[in-house]
Amino acid sequence: MLSEMGKRAVFLDRDGVLNRATVCEGKPYAPRCLQEFELLADALPATMALRKAGLIIVVVTNQPDVGNGLVHKSVVEEMHDCLRGSVPVDAIKVCYHGQKDNCICRKPRTAMLEEAARELDLDLPGSFMVGDRWSDMEAGKRQGCYTILIDRGYSEALRGEPDVVVGSLTDAVGVILTELSKGTDVKT
């Protein structure tokens, strides 16, 4: 039986999922200027398929370079304007804090997901979290989401198992559409 708690969503990490991340010594880094912000080739067709399936699309992204003084907040907001103009998203939730700020919004904590759920009437346990790092998977797990890791070959270890590991956003959308076609909640 489908959940009647709220609408189903797909939470998407930004860097390494929708846009290219710079990888240095096995660690991904966000773009630091608008000229470096490059959407991945599958971002538009994948999000269009999610939209066609009736899912709410929410980007949830840690942007610690702002809190660490490496990028101005307005630059990240320009990137998000570009993202909104290029792919269908219903909301973008951002943590601008540095890693040491101990905030409640930085993934793996869940405040961004919870805020989106309140604002958009979302059913978190009936939703999906797609990301390329352990913190994405942990945030999704903490809220009962079905978690899909896009394995980009980073050198950092996972801290728990995602529900599924795939190679691209296109593959992640295939998993989501398969789960939806089953006509049941992903967590039942």
C-alpha atoms as a PDB file:
ATOM      1  CA  MET A   1       0.000   0.000   0.000  1.00  0.00           C
ATOM      2  CA  LEU A   2       1.338   3.437  -0.890  1.00  0.00           C
ATOM      3  CA  SER A   3       2.002   5.861   1.932  1.00  0.00           C
ATOM      4  CA  GLU A   4      -0.643   8.480   2.610  1.00  0.00           C
ATOM      5  CA  MET A   5       1.626  10.597   4.809  1.00  0.00           C
ATOM      6  CA  GLY A   6       2.639  13.056   2.104  1.00  0.00           C
ATOM      7  CA  LYS A   7       4.201  13.329  -1.311  1.00  0.00           C
ATOM      8  CA  ARG A   8       7.184  11.282  -2.348  1.00  0.00           C
ATOM      9  CA  ALA A   9      10.405  13.056  -3.165  1.00  0.00           C
ATOM     10  CA  VAL A  10      13.845  12.443  -4.500  1.00  0.00           C
ATOM     11  CA  PHE A  11      16.531  14.237  -2.526  1.00  0.00           C
ATOM     12  CA  LEU A  12      19.569  14.840  -4.708  1.00  0.00           C
ATOM     13  CA  ASP A  13      23.002  15.857  -3.567  1.00  0.00           C
ATOM     14  CA  ARG A  14      24.445  18.526  -5.857  1.00  0.00           C
ATOM     15  CA  ASP A  15      28.187  18.107  -6.457  1.00  0.00           C
ATOM     16  CA  GLY A  16      29.013  14.792  -8.111  1.00  0.00           C
ATOM     17  CA  VAL A  17      25.337  14.038  -8.732  1.00  0.00           C
ATOM     18  CA  LEU A  18      23.958  16.945 -10.778  1.00  0.00           C
ATOM     19  CA  ASN A  19      27.157  18.824 -11.530  1.00  0.00           C
ATOM     20  CA  ARG A  20      30.777  17.871 -11.973  1.00  0.00           C
ATOM     21  CA  ALA A  21      32.889  17.736  -8.841  1.00  0.00           C
ATOM     22  CA  THR A  22      36.629  18.230  -9.026  1.00  0.00           C
ATOM     23  CA  VAL A  23      38.352  15.134  -7.647  1.00  0.00           C
ATOM     24  CA  CYS A  24      41.795  15.566  -6.126  1.00  0.00           C
ATOM     25  CA  GLU A  25      43.604  12.612  -4.547  1.00  0.00           C
ATOM     26  CA  GLY A  26      40.329  10.688  -4.392  1.00  0.00           C
ATOM     27  CA  LYS A  27      38.326  13.434  -2.657  1.00  0.00           C
ATOM     28  CA  PRO A  28      35.561  15.436  -4.381  1.00  0.00           C
ATOM     29  CA  TYR A  29      35.435  19.235  -4.228  1.00  0.00           C
ATOM     30  CA  ALA A  30      32.670  21.647  -5.182  1.00  0.00           C
ATOM     31  CA  PRO A  31      33.209  24.229  -7.909  1.00  0.00           C
ATOM     32  CA  ARG A  32      34.413  27.541  -6.513  1.00  0.00           C
ATOM     33  CA  CYS A  33      33.306  29.869  -9.301  1.00  0.00           C
ATOM     34  CA  LEU A  34      30.423  29.984 -11.735  1.00  0.00           C
ATOM     35  CA  GLN A  35      32.730  29.161 -14.648  1.00  0.00           C
ATOM     36  CA  GLU A  36      33.552  25.811 -12.983  1.00  0.00           C
ATOM     37  CA  PHE A  37      29.875  24.929 -12.481  1.00  0.00           C
ATOM     38  CA  GLU A  38      29.153  22.289 -15.136  1.00  0.00           C
ATOM     39  CA  LEU A  39      26.024  20.169 -15.150  1.00  0.00           C
ATOM     40  CA  LEU A  40      26.555  16.498 -15.857  1.00  0.00           C
ATOM     41  CA  ALA A  41      25.123  15.230 -19.153  1.00  0.00           C
ATOM     42  CA  ASP A  42      22.463  13.095 -17.466  1.00  0.00           C
ATOM     43  CA  ALA A  43      21.203  15.808 -15.068  1.00  0.00           C
ATOM     44  CA  LEU A  44      18.405  17.102 -17.303  1.00  0.00           C
ATOM     45  CA  PRO A  45      17.062  13.806 -18.696  1.00  0.00           C
ATOM     46  CA  ALA A  46      17.246  12.173 -15.266  1.00  0.00           C
ATOM     47  CA  THR A  47      15.398  14.957 -13.466  1.00  0.00           C
ATOM     48  CA  MET A  48      12.836  15.166 -16.269  1.00  0.00           C
ATOM     49  CA  ALA A  49      12.143  11.439 -15.813  1.00  0.00           C
ATOM     50  CA  LEU A  50      11.686  11.963 -12.065  1.00  0.00           C
ATOM     51  CA  ARG A  51       9.339  14.891 -12.710  1.00  0.00           C
ATOM     52  CA  LYS A  52       7.345  12.828 -15.240  1.00  0.00           C
ATOM     53  CA  ALA A  53       6.974  10.127 -12.564  1.00  0.00           C
ATOM     54  CA  GLY A  54       5.336  12.722 -10.318  1.00  0.00           C
ATOM     55  CA  LEU A  55       8.125  13.017  -7.779  1.00  0.00           C
ATOM     56  CA  ILE A  56       9.122  16.170  -5.924  1.00  0.00           C
ATOM     57  CA  ILE A  57      12.793  17.007  -6.566  1.00  0.00           C
ATOM     58  CA  VAL A  58      14.801  18.567  -3.750  1.00  0.00           C
ATOM     59  CA  VAL A  59      18.502  19.336  -3.895  1.00  0.00           C
ATOM     60  CA  VAL A  60      20.227  19.059  -0.497  1.00  0.00           C
ATOM     61  CA  THR A  61      23.822  20.227  -0.500  1.00  0.00           C
ATOM     62  CA  ASN A  62      26.609  20.964   1.947  1.00  0.00           C
ATOM     63  CA  GLN A  63      28.594  24.000   0.809  1.00  0.00           C
ATOM     64  CA  PRO A  64      31.253  24.387   3.522  1.00  0.00           C
ATOM     65  CA  ASP A  65      33.505  26.505   1.291  1.00  0.00           C
ATOM     66  CA  VAL A  66      31.200  29.424   2.145  1.00  0.00           C
ATOM     67  CA  GLY A  67      31.564  28.931   5.905  1.00  0.00           C
ATOM     68  CA  ASN A  68      35.282  28.358   5.476  1.00  0.00           C
ATOM     69  CA  GLY A  69      35.667  31.665   3.611  1.00  0.00           C
ATOM     70  CA  LEU A  70      36.743  30.113   0.294  1.00  0.00           C
ATOM     71  CA  VAL A  71      33.638  31.026  -1.738  1.00  0.00           C
ATOM     72  CA  HIS A  72      31.157  33.866  -1.331  1.00  0.00           C
ATOM     73  CA  LYS A  73      27.549  32.847  -0.708  1.00  0.00           C
ATOM     74  CA  SER A  74      26.419  34.898  -3.731  1.00  0.00           C
ATOM     75  CA  VAL A  75      28.547  32.689  -6.023  1.00  0.00           C
ATOM     76  CA  VAL A  76      26.834  29.539  -4.741  1.00  0.00           C
ATOM     77  CA  GLU A  77      23.460  31.249  -5.181  1.00  0.00           C
ATOM     78  CA  GLU A  78      24.393  32.051  -8.801  1.00  0.00           C
ATOM     79  CA  MET A  79      25.186  28.372  -9.304  1.00  0.00           C
ATOM     80  CA  HIS A  80      21.764  27.501  -7.909  1.00  0.00           C
ATOM     81  CA  ASP A  81      20.094  30.011 -10.222  1.00  0.00           C
ATOM     82  CA  CYS A  82      21.854  28.226 -13.095  1.00  0.00           C
ATOM     83  CA  LEU A  83      20.701  24.864 -11.736  1.00  0.00           C
ATOM     84  CA  ARG A  84      17.074  26.051 -11.426  1.00  0.00           C
ATOM     85  CA  GLY A  85      17.215  27.350 -15.002  1.00  0.00           C
ATOM     86  CA  SER A  86      18.564  24.072 -16.345  1.00  0.00           C
ATOM     87  CA  VAL A  87      16.775  21.254 -14.508  1.00  0.00           C
ATOM     88  CA  PRO A  88      13.388  20.955 -12.804  1.00  0.00           C
ATOM     89  CA  VAL A  89      13.806  21.249  -9.043  1.00  0.00           C
ATOM     90  CA  ASP A  90      11.165  22.089  -6.470  1.00  0.00           C
ATOM     91  CA  ALA A  91      13.578  23.277  -3.787  1.00  0.00           C
ATOM     92  CA  ILE A  92      17.256  23.682  -3.037  1.00  0.00           C
ATOM     93  CA  LYS A  93      18.340  23.355   0.592  1.00  0.00           C
ATOM     94  CA  VAL A  94      21.856  24.439   1.449  1.00  0.00           C
ATOM     95  CA  CYS A  95      24.105  24.177   4.491  1.00  0.00           C
ATOM     96  CA  TYR A  96      26.637  27.006   4.255  1.00  0.00           C
ATOM     97  CA  HIS A  97      28.428  26.120   7.502  1.00  0.00           C
ATOM     98  CA  GLY A  98      32.018  24.919   7.724  1.00  0.00           C
ATOM     99  CA  GLN A  99      32.762  21.373   8.834  1.00  0.00           C
ATOM    100  CA  LYS A 100      33.649  22.496  12.377  1.00  0.00           C
ATOM    101  CA  ASP A 101      30.520  24.615  12.991  1.00  0.00           C
ATOM    102  CA  ASN A 102      28.549  21.700  14.485  1.00  0.00           C
ATOM    103  CA  CYS A 103      25.318  22.879  12.844  1.00  0.00           C
ATOM    104  CA  ILE A 104      22.130  20.820  12.597  1.00  0.00           C
ATOM    105  CA  CYS A 105      21.771  21.189   8.829  1.00  0.00           C
ATOM    106  CA  ARG A 106      25.056  19.723   7.559  1.00  0.00           C
ATOM    107  CA  LYS A 107      24.651  16.217   6.202  1.00  0.00           C
ATOM    108  CA  PRO A 108      24.791  13.599   7.677  1.00  0.00           C
ATOM    109  CA  ARG A 109      22.441  15.530   9.969  1.00  0.00           C
ATOM    110  CA  THR A 110      18.943  15.840   8.629  1.00  0.00           C
ATOM    111  CA  ALA A 111      17.625  19.386   9.099  1.00  0.00           C
ATOM    112  CA  MET A 112      17.613  20.121   5.346  1.00  0.00           C
ATOM    113  CA  LEU A 113      15.488  17.041   4.651  1.00  0.00           C
ATOM    114  CA  GLU A 114      13.165  17.827   7.556  1.00  0.00           C
ATOM    115  CA  GLU A 115      12.718  21.448   6.450  1.00  0.00           C
ATOM    116  CA  ALA A 116      11.849  20.364   2.915  1.00  0.00           C
ATOM    117  CA  ALA A 117       9.421  17.764   4.267  1.00  0.00           C
ATOM    118  CA  ARG A 118       7.584  20.395   6.313  1.00  0.00           C
ATOM    119  CA  GLU A 119       7.495  22.969   3.513  1.00  0.00           C
ATOM    120  CA  LEU A 120       6.479  20.573   0.738  1.00  0.00           C
ATOM    121  CA  ASP A 121       4.401  18.019   2.707  1.00  0.00           C
ATOM    122  CA  LEU A 122       6.766  15.147   1.972  1.00  0.00           C
ATOM    123  CA  ASP A 123       6.713  11.570   3.172  1.00  0.00           C
ATOM    124  CA  LEU A 124      10.351  11.001   4.132  1.00  0.00           C
ATOM    125  CA  PRO A 125      10.148   7.191   4.548  1.00  0.00           C
ATOM    126  CA  GLY A 126       8.465   7.016   1.128  1.00  0.00           C
ATOM    127  CA  SER A 127      11.199   9.105  -0.480  1.00  0.00           C
ATOM    128  CA  PHE A 128      14.632   8.531  -1.998  1.00  0.00           C
ATOM    129  CA  MET A 129      18.063   9.992  -1.258  1.00  0.00           C
ATOM    130  CA  VAL A 130      20.608   9.991  -4.090  1.00  0.00           C
ATOM    131  CA  GLY A 131      24.182  11.027  -3.401  1.00  0.00           C
ATOM    132  CA  ASP A 132      27.819  10.259  -3.989  1.00  0.00           C
ATOM    133  CA  ARG A 133      29.163  10.333  -0.409  1.00  0.00           C
ATOM    134  CA  TRP A 134      28.611   8.561   2.900  1.00  0.00           C
ATOM    135  CA  SER A 135      27.067  11.688   4.461  1.00  0.00           C
ATOM    136  CA  ASP A 136      24.277  11.666   1.866  1.00  0.00           C
ATOM    137  CA  MET A 137      23.519   8.028   2.620  1.00  0.00           C
ATOM    138  CA  GLU A 138      23.568   8.587   6.376  1.00  0.00           C
ATOM    139  CA  ALA A 139      21.201  11.579   6.175  1.00  0.00           C
ATOM    140  CA  GLY A 140      18.784   9.570   4.048  1.00  0.00           C
ATOM    141  CA  LYS A 141      18.960   6.530   6.319  1.00  0.00           C
ATOM    142  CA  ARG A 142      18.277   8.660   9.402  1.00  0.00           C
ATOM    143  CA  GLN A 143      14.999   9.793   7.833  1.00  0.00           C
ATOM    144  CA  GLY A 144      14.007   6.362   6.530  1.00  0.00           C
ATOM    145  CA  CYS A 145      14.596   7.202   2.864  1.00  0.00           C
ATOM    146  CA  TYR A 146      15.605   4.610   0.292  1.00  0.00           C
ATOM    147  CA  THR A 147      19.280   5.421  -0.286  1.00  0.00           C
ATOM    148  CA  ILE A 148      21.084   5.217  -3.614  1.00  0.00           C
ATOM    149  CA  LEU A 149      24.821   5.798  -3.796  1.00  0.00           C
ATOM    150  CA  ILE A 150      26.368   6.906  -7.067  1.00  0.00           C
ATOM    151  CA  ASP A 151      29.823   5.360  -6.834  1.00  0.00           C
ATOM    152  CA  ARG A 152      32.296   7.855  -8.245  1.00  0.00           C
ATOM    153  CA  GLY A 153      35.323   5.921  -7.005  1.00  0.00           C
ATOM    154  CA  TYR A 154      36.280   8.348  -4.228  1.00  0.00           C
ATOM    155  CA  SER A 155      38.859   7.204  -1.720  1.00  0.00           C
ATOM    156  CA  GLU A 156      36.650   7.887   1.316  1.00  0.00           C
ATOM    157  CA  ALA A 157      34.980   4.920   2.964  1.00  0.00           C
ATOM    158  CA  LEU A 158      31.274   4.460   3.449  1.00  0.00           C
ATOM    159  CA  ARG A 159      29.987   4.486   7.016  1.00  0.00           C
ATOM    160  CA  GLY A 160      27.061   2.169   6.503  1.00  0.00           C
ATOM    161  CA  GLU A 161      25.468   0.481   3.543  1.00  0.00           C
ATOM    162  CA  PRO A 162      23.212   2.269   1.056  1.00  0.00           C
ATOM    163  CA  ASP A 163      20.183   0.380  -0.206  1.00  0.00           C
ATOM    164  CA  VAL A 164      21.650   0.339  -3.734  1.00  0.00           C
ATOM    165  CA  VAL A 165      24.935   1.321  -5.397  1.00  0.00           C
ATOM    166  CA  VAL A 166      24.859   2.555  -9.009  1.00  0.00           C
ATOM    167  CA  GLY A 167      27.254   4.164 -11.464  1.00  0.00           C
ATOM    168  CA  SER A 168      25.293   7.261 -12.544  1.00  0.00           C
ATOM    169  CA  LEU A 169      22.263   9.432 -11.931  1.00  0.00           C
ATOM    170  CA  THR A 170      20.612   7.738 -14.908  1.00  0.00           C
ATOM    171  CA  ASP A 171      21.074   4.378 -13.173  1.00  0.00           C
ATOM    172  CA  ALA A 172      19.686   5.821  -9.930  1.00  0.00           C
ATOM    173  CA  VAL A 173      16.569   7.017 -11.738  1.00  0.00           C
ATOM    174  CA  GLY A 174      16.144   3.516 -13.194  1.00  0.00           C
ATOM    175  CA  VAL A 175      16.175   2.076  -9.665  1.00  0.00           C
ATOM    176  CA  ILE A 176      13.669   4.686  -8.469  1.00  0.00           C
ATOM    177  CA  LEU A 177      11.289   4.065 -11.362  1.00  0.00           C
ATOM    178  CA  THR A 178      11.528   0.310 -10.779  1.00  0.00           C
ATOM    179  CA  GLU A 179      10.697   0.770  -7.103  1.00  0.00           C
ATOM    180  CA  LEU A 180       7.756   3.022  -7.980  1.00  0.00           C
ATOM    181  CA  SER A 181       6.449   0.497 -10.513  1.00  0.00           C
ATOM    182  CA  LYS A 182       6.155  -2.072  -7.739  1.00  0.00           C
ATOM    183  CA  GLY A 183       3.313   0.028  -6.328  1.00  0.00           C
ATOM    184  CA  THR A 184       4.430  -0.311  -2.725  1.00  0.00           C
ATOM    185  CA  ASP A 185       6.344   1.822  -0.287  1.00  0.00           C
ATOM    186  CA  VAL A 186      10.062   1.339  -0.680  1.00  0.00           C
ATOM    187  CA  LYS A 187      10.415   0.566   3.039  1.00  0.00           C
ATOM    188  CA  THR A 188       7.660  -2.073   3.352  1.00  0.00           C
END
